Amino acid sequence: MQPGAPTTFTPDQALSFALDDEYRARASYRAVLDAFGPVTPFVEIAAAEQRHIDALLPLFPRYGVAPPADRWAGRVAAPPTLAAACAAGVAGEIGNYSLYDHLLAQVGEPDVRAVFASLRNASAYRHLPAFQRCAGRAGLPVPGPAATGAASALLLGLAAGFGAVWLLRRGSA
């Protein structure tokens, strides 16, 4: 879950929050591609994030809700190294499937639940393992799909720290 996120959601809030998170993920992975070129697994997962967005968008008119604008496109900086990007990918996918776990507990609408479950499973069982392999190749510690506690916090801290250092360096340049 992102800091400041609500703890309970109405269906329209759940849809909006999920779409915003998918926009963020797509922008993050595109930033890595812009910085490092067409590297695996970012090429494939950036395309998958677009498919996630495409799966969510048809739900908005069904519930009479306007989809939020993409506030992330072009506003996310890539981590300073590919290894840091892999660590951030692990942390991002853990956060994403955790978000969907939370959202699934909040909504009862079968069509929304089906899409959320599909997107949750893609993050947990396809994207996360791809980023774990990426992080492992870089020699970073890699928590498993059910990661919680210290290992997850360590990886989230690493990703945040790399991003903060990069932003500080960028701001002083």
N, C-alpha and C. Protein backbone atom coordinates (compact mmCIF):
# COMPACT_ATOMS: atom_id res chain seq x y z
N MET A 1 0.84 -1.18 0.00
CA MET A 1 0.00 0.00 0.00
C MET A 1 0.89 1.24 0.00
N GLN A 2 0.47 2.24 -0.73
CA GLN A 2 1.20 3.49 -0.75
C GLN A 2 0.92 4.28 0.51
N PRO A 3 1.90 5.07 0.97
CA PRO A 3 1.65 5.91 2.14
C PRO A 3 0.47 6.84 1.89
N GLY A 4 -0.35 7.03 2.89
CA GLY A 4 -1.50 7.91 2.77
C GLY A 4 -2.70 7.28 2.10
N ALA A 5 -2.62 6.00 1.75
CA ALA A 5 -3.74 5.33 1.10
C ALA A 5 -4.85 5.08 2.11
N PRO A 6 -6.11 5.17 1.67
CA PRO A 6 -7.19 4.85 2.59
C PRO A 6 -7.11 3.39 3.02
N THR A 7 -7.72 3.09 4.15
CA THR A 7 -7.72 1.71 4.62
C THR A 7 -8.97 0.96 4.20
N THR A 8 -10.03 1.68 3.85
CA THR A 8 -11.23 1.05 3.30
C THR A 8 -11.60 1.80 2.02
N PHE A 9 -12.24 1.08 1.10
CA PHE A 9 -12.54 1.64 -0.21
C PHE A 9 -13.97 1.32 -0.62
N THR A 10 -14.62 2.27 -1.28
CA THR A 10 -15.85 1.98 -2.00
C THR A 10 -15.42 1.41 -3.34
N PRO A 11 -16.34 0.77 -4.10
CA PRO A 11 -15.92 0.22 -5.40
C PRO A 11 -15.30 1.27 -6.33
N ASP A 12 -15.87 2.47 -6.38
CA ASP A 12 -15.30 3.48 -7.27
C ASP A 12 -13.91 3.93 -6.79
N GLN A 13 -13.73 4.03 -5.47
CA GLN A 13 -12.40 4.36 -4.95
C GLN A 13 -11.41 3.24 -5.23
N ALA A 14 -11.84 2.01 -5.07
CA ALA A 14 -10.96 0.87 -5.31
C ALA A 14 -10.49 0.86 -6.77
N LEU A 15 -11.42 1.09 -7.68
CA LEU A 15 -11.05 1.14 -9.10
C LEU A 15 -10.06 2.26 -9.37
N SER A 16 -10.33 3.43 -8.83
CA SER A 16 -9.45 4.58 -9.06
C SER A 16 -8.07 4.34 -8.46
N PHE A 17 -8.02 3.79 -7.28
CA PHE A 17 -6.74 3.55 -6.64
C PHE A 17 -5.95 2.49 -7.42
N ALA A 18 -6.63 1.43 -7.87
CA ALA A 18 -5.96 0.38 -8.64
C ALA A 18 -5.40 0.94 -9.95
N LEU A 19 -6.20 1.75 -10.65
CA LEU A 19 -5.74 2.30 -11.92
C LEU A 19 -4.56 3.23 -11.70
N ASP A 20 -4.62 4.06 -10.65
CA ASP A 20 -3.51 4.95 -10.36
C ASP A 20 -2.23 4.16 -10.09
N ASP A 21 -2.36 3.05 -9.37
CA ASP A 21 -1.19 2.23 -9.09
C ASP A 21 -0.63 1.59 -10.36
N GLU A 22 -1.50 1.18 -11.27
CA GLU A 22 -1.03 0.62 -12.55
C GLU A 22 -0.35 1.69 -13.40
N TYR A 23 -0.91 2.91 -13.39
CA TYR A 23 -0.24 4.02 -14.09
C TYR A 23 1.16 4.24 -13.53
N ARG A 24 1.28 4.21 -12.19
CA ARG A 24 2.57 4.41 -11.54
C ARG A 24 3.56 3.33 -11.96
N ALA A 25 3.11 2.09 -11.95
CA ALA A 25 4.00 0.99 -12.33
C ALA A 25 4.46 1.13 -13.78
N ARG A 26 3.53 1.43 -14.67
CA ARG A 26 3.89 1.59 -16.09
C ARG A 26 4.91 2.71 -16.25
N ALA A 27 4.69 3.85 -15.59
CA ALA A 27 5.62 4.97 -15.69
C ALA A 27 6.99 4.60 -15.12
N SER A 28 7.00 3.85 -14.02
CA SER A 28 8.27 3.43 -13.42
C SER A 28 9.07 2.55 -14.36
N TYR A 29 8.40 1.59 -14.97
CA TYR A 29 9.11 0.66 -15.85
C TYR A 29 9.51 1.33 -17.16
N ARG A 30 8.69 2.26 -17.64
CA ARG A 30 9.08 3.01 -18.83
C ARG A 30 10.29 3.90 -18.55
N ALA A 31 10.37 4.46 -17.35
CA ALA A 31 11.53 5.29 -16.99
C ALA A 31 12.80 4.45 -17.02
N VAL A 32 12.72 3.21 -16.55
CA VAL A 32 13.88 2.31 -16.59
C VAL A 32 14.26 2.04 -18.05
N LEU A 33 13.28 1.81 -18.89
CA LEU A 33 13.56 1.56 -20.31
C LEU A 33 14.20 2.78 -20.96
N ASP A 34 13.72 3.97 -20.61
CA ASP A 34 14.31 5.19 -21.16
C ASP A 34 15.76 5.35 -20.72
N ALA A 35 16.05 4.95 -19.47
CA ALA A 35 17.39 5.12 -18.93
C ALA A 35 18.37 4.04 -19.38
N PHE A 36 17.90 2.80 -19.50
CA PHE A 36 18.81 1.67 -19.71
C PHE A 36 18.57 0.92 -21.02
N GLY A 37 17.58 1.33 -21.78
CA GLY A 37 17.29 0.65 -23.03
C GLY A 37 16.37 -0.53 -22.82
N PRO A 38 16.15 -1.32 -23.88
CA PRO A 38 15.18 -2.42 -23.82
C PRO A 38 15.70 -3.64 -23.06
N VAL A 39 15.71 -3.55 -21.73
CA VAL A 39 16.24 -4.62 -20.88
C VAL A 39 15.10 -5.48 -20.33
N THR A 40 15.43 -6.75 -20.17
CA THR A 40 14.51 -7.72 -19.57
C THR A 40 14.63 -7.60 -18.05
N PRO A 41 13.57 -7.68 -17.33
CA PRO A 41 12.18 -7.96 -17.69
C PRO A 41 11.33 -6.70 -17.91
N PHE A 42 11.97 -5.53 -17.95
CA PHE A 42 11.22 -4.27 -17.99
C PHE A 42 10.41 -4.11 -19.27
N VAL A 43 10.92 -4.57 -20.40
CA VAL A 43 10.17 -4.47 -21.66
C VAL A 43 8.84 -5.21 -21.54
N GLU A 44 8.93 -6.46 -21.10
CA GLU A 44 7.73 -7.30 -21.03
C GLU A 44 6.76 -6.80 -19.96
N ILE A 45 7.28 -6.36 -18.83
CA ILE A 45 6.39 -5.98 -17.74
C ILE A 45 5.79 -4.60 -17.99
N ALA A 46 6.48 -3.70 -18.64
CA ALA A 46 5.87 -2.42 -19.01
C ALA A 46 4.68 -2.67 -19.94
N ALA A 47 4.84 -3.60 -20.88
CA ALA A 47 3.72 -3.95 -21.77
C ALA A 47 2.58 -4.58 -20.98
N ALA A 48 2.91 -5.41 -20.00
CA ALA A 48 1.89 -6.04 -19.16
C ALA A 48 1.13 -4.99 -18.35
N GLU A 49 1.83 -3.97 -17.86
CA GLU A 49 1.16 -2.92 -17.10
C GLU A 49 0.14 -2.20 -17.98
N GLN A 50 0.45 -2.03 -19.25
CA GLN A 50 -0.53 -1.44 -20.16
C GLN A 50 -1.75 -2.35 -20.28
N ARG A 51 -1.54 -3.66 -20.34
CA ARG A 51 -2.67 -4.58 -20.40
C ARG A 51 -3.49 -4.52 -19.11
N HIS A 52 -2.83 -4.30 -17.98
CA HIS A 52 -3.56 -4.16 -16.71
C HIS A 52 -4.45 -2.91 -16.75
N ILE A 53 -3.89 -1.83 -17.27
CA ILE A 53 -4.67 -0.59 -17.41
C ILE A 53 -5.86 -0.85 -18.33
N ASP A 54 -5.62 -1.53 -19.43
CA ASP A 54 -6.69 -1.84 -20.38
C ASP A 54 -7.76 -2.74 -19.77
N ALA A 55 -7.40 -3.58 -18.82
CA ALA A 55 -8.38 -4.45 -18.15
C ALA A 55 -9.23 -3.65 -17.16
N LEU A 56 -8.65 -2.64 -16.54
CA LEU A 56 -9.38 -1.84 -15.55
C LEU A 56 -10.32 -0.82 -16.19
N LEU A 57 -9.90 -0.21 -17.28
CA LEU A 57 -10.67 0.90 -17.86
C LEU A 57 -12.13 0.57 -18.18
N PRO A 58 -12.47 -0.60 -18.72
CA PRO A 58 -13.89 -0.87 -19.01
C PRO A 58 -14.78 -0.94 -17.77
N LEU A 59 -14.20 -1.12 -16.60
CA LEU A 59 -15.00 -1.18 -15.38
C LEU A 59 -15.54 0.19 -14.96
N PHE A 60 -14.85 1.24 -15.31
CA PHE A 60 -15.25 2.58 -14.87
C PHE A 60 -16.63 2.98 -15.38
N PRO A 61 -16.90 2.88 -16.68
CA PRO A 61 -18.25 3.27 -17.13
C PRO A 61 -19.36 2.37 -16.56
N ARG A 62 -19.04 1.11 -16.31
CA ARG A 62 -20.04 0.21 -15.72
C ARG A 62 -20.50 0.69 -14.36
N TYR A 63 -19.62 1.37 -13.64
CA TYR A 63 -19.94 1.86 -12.30
C TYR A 63 -20.14 3.37 -12.27
N GLY A 64 -20.25 3.98 -13.46
CA GLY A 64 -20.54 5.41 -13.54
C GLY A 64 -19.45 6.29 -12.97
N VAL A 65 -18.22 5.86 -13.13
CA VAL A 65 -17.08 6.59 -12.57
C VAL A 65 -16.14 6.98 -13.70
N ALA A 66 -15.65 8.20 -13.64
CA ALA A 66 -14.64 8.63 -14.60
C ALA A 66 -13.27 8.12 -14.14
N PRO A 67 -12.51 7.53 -15.03
CA PRO A 67 -11.18 7.07 -14.62
C PRO A 67 -10.28 8.26 -14.30
N PRO A 68 -9.41 8.11 -13.32
CA PRO A 68 -8.49 9.22 -13.03
C PRO A 68 -7.50 9.40 -14.16
N ALA A 69 -7.03 10.63 -14.28
CA ALA A 69 -5.99 10.92 -15.26
C ALA A 69 -4.68 10.28 -14.80
N ASP A 70 -3.83 10.00 -15.76
CA ASP A 70 -2.51 9.44 -15.46
C ASP A 70 -1.63 10.58 -14.95
N ARG A 71 -1.38 10.59 -13.65
CA ARG A 71 -0.55 11.63 -13.06
C ARG A 71 0.93 11.24 -13.00
N TRP A 72 1.27 10.05 -13.50
CA TRP A 72 2.63 9.52 -13.38
C TRP A 72 3.45 9.61 -14.67
N ALA A 73 2.81 9.63 -15.82
CA ALA A 73 3.54 9.58 -17.10
C ALA A 73 4.59 10.69 -17.18
N GLY A 74 5.83 10.29 -17.43
CA GLY A 74 6.91 11.25 -17.58
C GLY A 74 7.38 11.90 -16.29
N ARG A 75 6.85 11.46 -15.15
CA ARG A 75 7.19 12.09 -13.87
C ARG A 75 7.94 11.16 -12.92
N VAL A 76 8.27 9.98 -13.37
CA VAL A 76 8.96 9.02 -12.52
C VAL A 76 10.39 8.89 -13.03
N ALA A 77 11.33 9.01 -12.11
CA ALA A 77 12.74 8.89 -12.46
C ALA A 77 13.18 7.44 -12.27
N ALA A 78 14.04 7.00 -13.15
CA ALA A 78 14.61 5.65 -13.02
C ALA A 78 15.63 5.65 -11.89
N PRO A 79 15.77 4.52 -11.21
CA PRO A 79 16.85 4.39 -10.23
C PRO A 79 18.20 4.55 -10.92
N PRO A 80 19.27 4.78 -10.15
CA PRO A 80 20.56 5.08 -10.75
C PRO A 80 21.25 3.91 -11.45
N THR A 81 20.87 2.68 -11.09
CA THR A 81 21.48 1.50 -11.70
C THR A 81 20.39 0.49 -12.06
N LEU A 82 20.75 -0.42 -12.93
CA LEU A 82 19.82 -1.47 -13.27
C LEU A 82 19.55 -2.37 -12.07
N ALA A 83 20.55 -2.61 -11.25
CA ALA A 83 20.35 -3.42 -10.04
C ALA A 83 19.33 -2.75 -9.12
N ALA A 84 19.45 -1.44 -8.95
CA ALA A 84 18.49 -0.71 -8.12
C ALA A 84 17.10 -0.76 -8.74
N ALA A 85 17.03 -0.73 -10.06
CA ALA A 85 15.74 -0.82 -10.75
C ALA A 85 15.11 -2.19 -10.51
N CYS A 86 15.92 -3.24 -10.52
CA CYS A 86 15.40 -4.58 -10.23
C CYS A 86 14.87 -4.66 -8.81
N ALA A 87 15.61 -4.10 -7.85
CA ALA A 87 15.16 -4.08 -6.45
C ALA A 87 13.87 -3.29 -6.32
N ALA A 88 13.79 -2.17 -7.00
CA ALA A 88 12.57 -1.37 -6.97
C ALA A 88 11.41 -2.14 -7.61
N GLY A 89 11.69 -2.92 -8.65
CA GLY A 89 10.66 -3.75 -9.27
C GLY A 89 10.12 -4.79 -8.31
N VAL A 90 11.01 -5.43 -7.55
CA VAL A 90 10.58 -6.40 -6.54
C VAL A 90 9.67 -5.71 -5.53
N ALA A 91 10.15 -4.59 -4.99
CA ALA A 91 9.37 -3.87 -3.98
C ALA A 91 8.03 -3.40 -4.56
N GLY A 92 8.05 -2.91 -5.79
CA GLY A 92 6.82 -2.44 -6.42
C GLY A 92 5.80 -3.54 -6.62
N GLU A 93 6.26 -4.70 -7.04
CA GLU A 93 5.31 -5.81 -7.26
C GLU A 93 4.80 -6.38 -5.94
N ILE A 94 5.64 -6.40 -4.91
CA ILE A 94 5.14 -6.81 -3.59
C ILE A 94 4.07 -5.84 -3.14
N GLY A 95 4.33 -4.56 -3.31
CA GLY A 95 3.33 -3.54 -2.97
C GLY A 95 2.07 -3.67 -3.78
N ASN A 96 2.22 -3.98 -5.07
CA ASN A 96 1.06 -4.10 -5.94
C ASN A 96 0.18 -5.28 -5.58
N TYR A 97 0.77 -6.45 -5.36
CA TYR A 97 -0.10 -7.57 -5.02
C TYR A 97 -0.68 -7.40 -3.62
N SER A 98 0.04 -6.73 -2.73
CA SER A 98 -0.51 -6.43 -1.40
C SER A 98 -1.69 -5.47 -1.51
N LEU A 99 -1.58 -4.50 -2.40
CA LEU A 99 -2.69 -3.58 -2.64
C LEU A 99 -3.92 -4.36 -3.12
N TYR A 100 -3.74 -5.25 -4.09
CA TYR A 100 -4.87 -6.03 -4.59
C TYR A 100 -5.44 -6.96 -3.52
N ASP A 101 -4.59 -7.52 -2.66
CA ASP A 101 -5.11 -8.31 -1.54
C ASP A 101 -6.04 -7.45 -0.69
N HIS A 102 -5.62 -6.24 -0.41
CA HIS A 102 -6.43 -5.32 0.40
C HIS A 102 -7.72 -4.94 -0.33
N LEU A 103 -7.60 -4.60 -1.60
CA LEU A 103 -8.78 -4.20 -2.37
C LEU A 103 -9.79 -5.35 -2.50
N LEU A 104 -9.28 -6.56 -2.69
CA LEU A 104 -10.18 -7.71 -2.81
C LEU A 104 -10.99 -7.92 -1.55
N ALA A 105 -10.44 -7.56 -0.42
CA ALA A 105 -11.17 -7.69 0.85
C ALA A 105 -12.21 -6.58 1.01
N GLN A 106 -12.16 -5.57 0.16
CA GLN A 106 -13.04 -4.42 0.29
C GLN A 106 -14.23 -4.43 -0.66
N VAL A 107 -14.10 -5.10 -1.79
CA VAL A 107 -15.14 -5.02 -2.81
C VAL A 107 -15.84 -6.37 -2.98
N GLY A 108 -17.13 -6.31 -3.31
CA GLY A 108 -17.89 -7.54 -3.50
C GLY A 108 -18.36 -7.74 -4.93
N GLU A 109 -18.23 -6.73 -5.78
CA GLU A 109 -18.70 -6.81 -7.16
C GLU A 109 -17.91 -7.87 -7.92
N PRO A 110 -18.58 -8.89 -8.46
CA PRO A 110 -17.87 -10.02 -9.08
C PRO A 110 -16.95 -9.62 -10.23
N ASP A 111 -17.36 -8.68 -11.08
CA ASP A 111 -16.50 -8.31 -12.21
C ASP A 111 -15.26 -7.57 -11.73
N VAL A 112 -15.41 -6.71 -10.74
CA VAL A 112 -14.26 -5.99 -10.19
C VAL A 112 -13.33 -6.98 -9.49
N ARG A 113 -13.90 -7.88 -8.71
CA ARG A 113 -13.09 -8.89 -8.02
C ARG A 113 -12.32 -9.76 -9.01
N ALA A 114 -12.96 -10.13 -10.11
CA ALA A 114 -12.28 -10.99 -11.10
C ALA A 114 -11.08 -10.28 -11.70
N VAL A 115 -11.24 -9.00 -12.06
CA VAL A 115 -10.12 -8.25 -12.63
C VAL A 115 -9.03 -8.06 -11.58
N PHE A 116 -9.42 -7.67 -10.37
CA PHE A 116 -8.43 -7.46 -9.31
C PHE A 116 -7.67 -8.76 -9.03
N ALA A 117 -8.35 -9.88 -8.98
CA ALA A 117 -7.69 -11.16 -8.71
C ALA A 117 -6.71 -11.50 -9.83
N SER A 118 -7.10 -11.26 -11.06
CA SER A 118 -6.22 -11.53 -12.19
C SER A 118 -4.96 -10.66 -12.13
N LEU A 119 -5.15 -9.38 -11.83
CA LEU A 119 -4.01 -8.46 -11.77
C LEU A 119 -3.11 -8.78 -10.58
N ARG A 120 -3.72 -9.16 -9.47
CA ARG A 120 -2.96 -9.56 -8.29
C ARG A 120 -2.08 -10.76 -8.62
N ASN A 121 -2.67 -11.74 -9.27
CA ASN A 121 -1.92 -12.96 -9.60
C ASN A 121 -0.81 -12.69 -10.60
N ALA A 122 -1.05 -11.80 -11.55
CA ALA A 122 0.02 -11.45 -12.50
C ALA A 122 1.20 -10.83 -11.76
N SER A 123 0.91 -9.95 -10.82
CA SER A 123 1.99 -9.33 -10.05
C SER A 123 2.73 -10.35 -9.19
N ALA A 124 1.98 -11.17 -8.47
CA ALA A 124 2.60 -12.11 -7.53
C ALA A 124 3.31 -13.27 -8.21
N TYR A 125 2.75 -13.77 -9.30
CA TYR A 125 3.25 -15.02 -9.87
C TYR A 125 4.00 -14.89 -11.19
N ARG A 126 3.95 -13.70 -11.80
CA ARG A 126 4.70 -13.50 -13.03
C ARG A 126 5.69 -12.33 -12.89
N HIS A 127 5.20 -11.16 -12.51
CA HIS A 127 6.09 -9.99 -12.45
C HIS A 127 7.10 -10.12 -11.32
N LEU A 128 6.63 -10.45 -10.12
CA LEU A 128 7.54 -10.55 -8.98
C LEU A 128 8.67 -11.56 -9.24
N PRO A 129 8.37 -12.78 -9.69
CA PRO A 129 9.48 -13.71 -9.97
C PRO A 129 10.47 -13.18 -11.02
N ALA A 130 9.96 -12.46 -12.02
CA ALA A 130 10.86 -11.90 -13.03
C ALA A 130 11.80 -10.87 -12.41
N PHE A 131 11.27 -10.02 -11.55
CA PHE A 131 12.12 -9.04 -10.89
C PHE A 131 13.02 -9.67 -9.84
N GLN A 132 12.56 -10.73 -9.21
CA GLN A 132 13.43 -11.46 -8.27
C GLN A 132 14.63 -12.05 -9.00
N ARG A 133 14.40 -12.61 -10.18
CA ARG A 133 15.52 -13.15 -10.97
C ARG A 133 16.48 -12.01 -11.35
N CYS A 134 15.91 -10.88 -11.74
CA CYS A 134 16.70 -9.70 -12.10
C CYS A 134 17.55 -9.26 -10.91
N ALA A 135 16.93 -9.15 -9.74
CA ALA A 135 17.65 -8.73 -8.53
C ALA A 135 18.70 -9.78 -8.15
N GLY A 136 18.35 -11.04 -8.28
CA GLY A 136 19.28 -12.12 -7.96
C GLY A 136 20.52 -12.08 -8.84
N ARG A 137 20.32 -11.79 -10.13
CA ARG A 137 21.47 -11.69 -11.04
C ARG A 137 22.39 -10.54 -10.62
N ALA A 138 21.80 -9.53 -9.98
CA ALA A 138 22.59 -8.38 -9.51
C ALA A 138 23.19 -8.62 -8.13
N GLY A 139 22.94 -9.81 -7.54
CA GLY A 139 23.50 -10.15 -6.25
C GLY A 139 22.75 -9.56 -5.07
N LEU A 140 21.51 -9.11 -5.27
CA LEU A 140 20.72 -8.53 -4.18
C LEU A 140 19.93 -9.61 -3.46
N PRO A 141 19.60 -9.38 -2.17
CA PRO A 141 18.73 -10.34 -1.45
C PRO A 141 17.35 -10.32 -2.07
N VAL A 142 16.73 -11.48 -2.16
CA VAL A 142 15.45 -11.58 -2.84
C VAL A 142 14.43 -12.28 -1.95
N PRO A 143 13.43 -11.53 -1.41
CA PRO A 143 12.37 -12.18 -0.63
C PRO A 143 11.44 -12.96 -1.54
N GLY A 144 10.75 -13.93 -0.98
CA GLY A 144 9.81 -14.74 -1.74
C GLY A 144 8.48 -14.07 -1.94
N PRO A 145 7.54 -14.73 -2.68
CA PRO A 145 6.25 -14.14 -2.99
C PRO A 145 5.42 -13.77 -1.77
N ALA A 146 5.61 -14.46 -0.67
CA ALA A 146 4.83 -14.14 0.53
C ALA A 146 5.64 -13.29 1.48
N ALA A 147 6.58 -12.53 0.93
CA ALA A 147 7.50 -11.76 1.77
C ALA A 147 6.77 -10.76 2.64
N THR A 148 7.15 -10.79 3.90
CA THR A 148 6.68 -9.79 4.84
C THR A 148 7.81 -9.51 5.79
N GLY A 149 7.63 -8.58 6.64
CA GLY A 149 8.59 -8.34 7.69
C GLY A 149 9.91 -7.80 7.22
N ALA A 150 10.99 -8.27 7.84
CA ALA A 150 12.31 -7.67 7.68
C ALA A 150 12.82 -7.74 6.24
N ALA A 151 12.68 -8.86 5.56
CA ALA A 151 13.21 -8.97 4.19
C ALA A 151 12.50 -8.00 3.26
N SER A 152 11.19 -7.93 3.36
CA SER A 152 10.44 -7.01 2.52
C SER A 152 10.79 -5.57 2.85
N ALA A 153 10.89 -5.25 4.14
CA ALA A 153 11.24 -3.89 4.56
C ALA A 153 12.64 -3.53 4.07
N LEU A 154 13.56 -4.50 4.11
CA LEU A 154 14.91 -4.25 3.63
C LEU A 154 14.90 -3.88 2.16
N LEU A 155 14.20 -4.66 1.35
CA LEU A 155 14.16 -4.40 -0.07
C LEU A 155 13.45 -3.08 -0.38
N LEU A 156 12.34 -2.81 0.32
CA LEU A 156 11.65 -1.54 0.13
C LEU A 156 12.57 -0.39 0.52
N GLY A 157 13.31 -0.56 1.60
CA GLY A 157 14.25 0.47 2.03
C GLY A 157 15.36 0.69 1.02
N LEU A 158 15.89 -0.41 0.47
CA LEU A 158 16.92 -0.30 -0.55
C LEU A 158 16.41 0.47 -1.76
N ALA A 159 15.22 0.12 -2.22
CA ALA A 159 14.65 0.78 -3.39
C ALA A 159 14.42 2.26 -3.10
N ALA A 160 13.86 2.58 -1.95
CA ALA A 160 13.61 3.97 -1.59
C ALA A 160 14.93 4.72 -1.45
N GLY A 161 15.91 4.08 -0.82
CA GLY A 161 17.20 4.72 -0.63
C GLY A 161 17.90 5.01 -1.95
N PHE A 162 17.90 4.06 -2.87
CA PHE A 162 18.50 4.29 -4.18
C PHE A 162 17.81 5.45 -4.88
N GLY A 163 16.49 5.48 -4.80
CA GLY A 163 15.73 6.56 -5.44
C GLY A 163 16.03 7.90 -4.83
N ALA A 164 16.11 7.96 -3.49
CA ALA A 164 16.39 9.22 -2.80
C ALA A 164 17.79 9.73 -3.15
N VAL A 165 18.77 8.83 -3.15
CA VAL A 165 20.13 9.23 -3.49
C VAL A 165 20.18 9.74 -4.92
N TRP A 166 19.51 9.04 -5.83
CA TRP A 166 19.52 9.47 -7.22
C TRP A 166 18.89 10.85 -7.36
N LEU A 167 17.75 11.08 -6.69
CA LEU A 167 17.09 12.37 -6.77
C LEU A 167 17.97 13.48 -6.19
N LEU A 168 18.63 13.19 -5.07
CA LEU A 168 19.53 14.19 -4.48
C LEU A 168 20.68 14.53 -5.42
N ARG A 169 21.26 13.49 -6.00
CA ARG A 169 22.36 13.73 -6.95
C ARG A 169 21.88 14.50 -8.16
N ARG A 170 20.70 14.16 -8.64
CA ARG A 170 20.15 14.81 -9.83
C ARG A 170 19.87 16.28 -9.54
N GLY A 171 19.34 16.55 -8.35
CA GLY A 171 19.02 17.92 -7.98
C GLY A 171 20.24 18.80 -7.83
N SER A 172 21.40 18.22 -7.49
CA SER A 172 22.61 19.02 -7.32
C SER A 172 23.40 19.16 -8.61
N ALA A 173 22.98 18.48 -9.65
CA ALA A 173 23.72 18.52 -10.92
C ALA A 173 23.40 19.77 -11.71
